[in-house]
Amino acid sequence: MIVTATEFKTNLGKYLEMATSQDIFITKNGKSIARLTSPAVNKLALLDDLVGIVPQETAMDENTRKGNYSSLIPTRRSARPLKRMRNV
């Protein structure tokens, strides 16, 4: 459900009750500024929503699963341009 910030402030109790069964999107000047949701989230449904977001090439490989994160840490050579940029 989408409501304005003014409507939300006026009927806070009503929307708190409704948030147990559905998300409440709060808008201000036509832009979404907040979402009121229940803390009892269906975690399986949340995981289903996340499937496919991470591209396959950046997904965890065998080394990452075993705790070897060295491939994710930038080398010293790749860090030098960043250091120069900070001094500018």
Protein backbone atom coordinates (compact mmCIF):
# COMPACT_ATOMS: atom_id res chain seq x y z
CA MET A 1 0.00 0.00 0.00
CA ILE A 2 1.22 3.50 -0.80
CA VAL A 3 0.34 6.43 1.48
CA THR A 4 1.52 10.02 1.82
CA ALA A 5 3.56 11.09 4.84
CA THR A 6 0.71 13.29 6.01
CA GLU A 7 -1.81 10.44 5.78
CA PHE A 8 0.62 8.15 7.59
CA LYS A 9 1.12 10.63 10.46
CA THR A 10 -2.62 11.18 10.79
CA ASN A 11 -3.49 7.46 10.94
CA LEU A 12 -0.35 5.92 12.42
CA GLY A 13 -2.18 3.25 14.43
CA LYS A 14 -4.14 2.08 11.41
CA TYR A 15 -1.00 1.67 9.30
CA LEU A 16 0.95 -0.04 12.08
CA GLU A 17 -1.81 -2.65 12.22
CA MET A 18 -1.82 -3.02 8.43
CA ALA A 19 1.97 -3.47 8.35
CA THR A 20 1.61 -6.88 9.98
CA SER A 21 0.11 -8.21 6.75
CA GLN A 22 1.53 -5.96 4.01
CA ASP A 23 4.27 -3.44 3.30
CA ILE A 24 3.37 0.24 3.63
CA PHE A 25 5.26 2.59 1.29
CA ILE A 26 5.35 6.19 2.53
CA THR A 27 5.71 8.98 -0.03
CA LYS A 28 6.51 12.67 0.24
CA ASN A 29 6.07 15.00 -2.74
CA GLY A 30 5.40 11.98 -4.91
CA LYS A 31 8.68 10.22 -4.03
CA SER A 32 8.95 7.08 -1.93
CA ILE A 33 10.83 7.92 1.29
CA ALA A 34 10.24 4.90 3.53
CA ARG A 35 8.80 1.41 3.78
CA LEU A 36 7.10 0.05 6.88
CA THR A 37 7.26 -3.72 7.01
CA SER A 38 6.62 -6.51 9.46
CA PRO A 39 9.60 -7.94 11.36
CA ALA A 40 8.18 -11.42 10.76
CA VAL A 41 9.56 -11.75 7.23
CA ASN A 42 9.27 -15.03 5.37
CA LYS A 43 12.99 -15.72 4.92
CA LEU A 44 12.49 -18.32 2.21
CA ALA A 45 10.49 -15.87 0.12
CA LEU A 46 13.23 -13.27 0.64
CA LEU A 47 15.87 -15.71 -0.60
CA ASP A 48 13.77 -16.52 -3.65
CA ASP A 49 13.68 -12.81 -4.47
CA LEU A 50 17.49 -12.65 -4.31
CA VAL A 51 18.13 -15.56 -6.68
CA GLY A 52 19.79 -14.35 -9.86
CA ILE A 53 20.90 -10.94 -8.56
CA VAL A 54 24.59 -11.89 -8.30
CA PRO A 55 26.11 -12.52 -11.75
CA GLN A 56 27.48 -16.02 -12.18
CA GLU A 57 31.10 -14.86 -12.71
CA THR A 58 31.12 -13.07 -9.32
CA ALA A 59 29.42 -15.89 -7.44
CA MET A 60 31.44 -17.75 -4.85
CA ASP A 61 33.97 -20.15 -6.28
CA GLU A 62 35.54 -23.14 -4.52
CA ASN A 63 38.36 -21.05 -2.96
CA THR A 64 35.94 -18.52 -1.51
CA ARG A 65 33.76 -21.25 0.01
CA LYS A 66 36.87 -22.71 1.72
CA GLY A 67 37.78 -19.32 3.21
CA ASN A 68 40.53 -18.32 0.76
CA TYR A 69 39.66 -14.71 -0.03
CA SER A 70 43.02 -13.76 -1.57
CA SER A 71 41.49 -13.52 -5.03
CA LEU A 72 39.13 -10.80 -3.75
CA ILE A 73 41.84 -8.64 -2.13
CA PRO A 74 43.38 -6.05 -4.50
CA THR A 75 47.07 -6.40 -5.14
CA ARG A 76 49.50 -3.69 -4.08
CA ARG A 77 49.93 -2.58 -7.68
CA SER A 78 46.19 -2.02 -8.18
CA ALA A 79 45.97 0.00 -4.95
CA ARG A 80 48.55 2.62 -6.01
CA PRO A 81 46.29 4.62 -8.35
CA LEU A 82 43.77 4.97 -5.54
CA LYS A 83 46.43 6.38 -3.24
CA ARG A 84 47.36 9.02 -5.83
CA MET A 85 43.74 10.00 -6.27
CA ARG A 86 43.34 10.62 -2.53
CA ASN A 87 46.22 13.13 -2.53
CA VAL A 88 44.65 15.22 -5.29
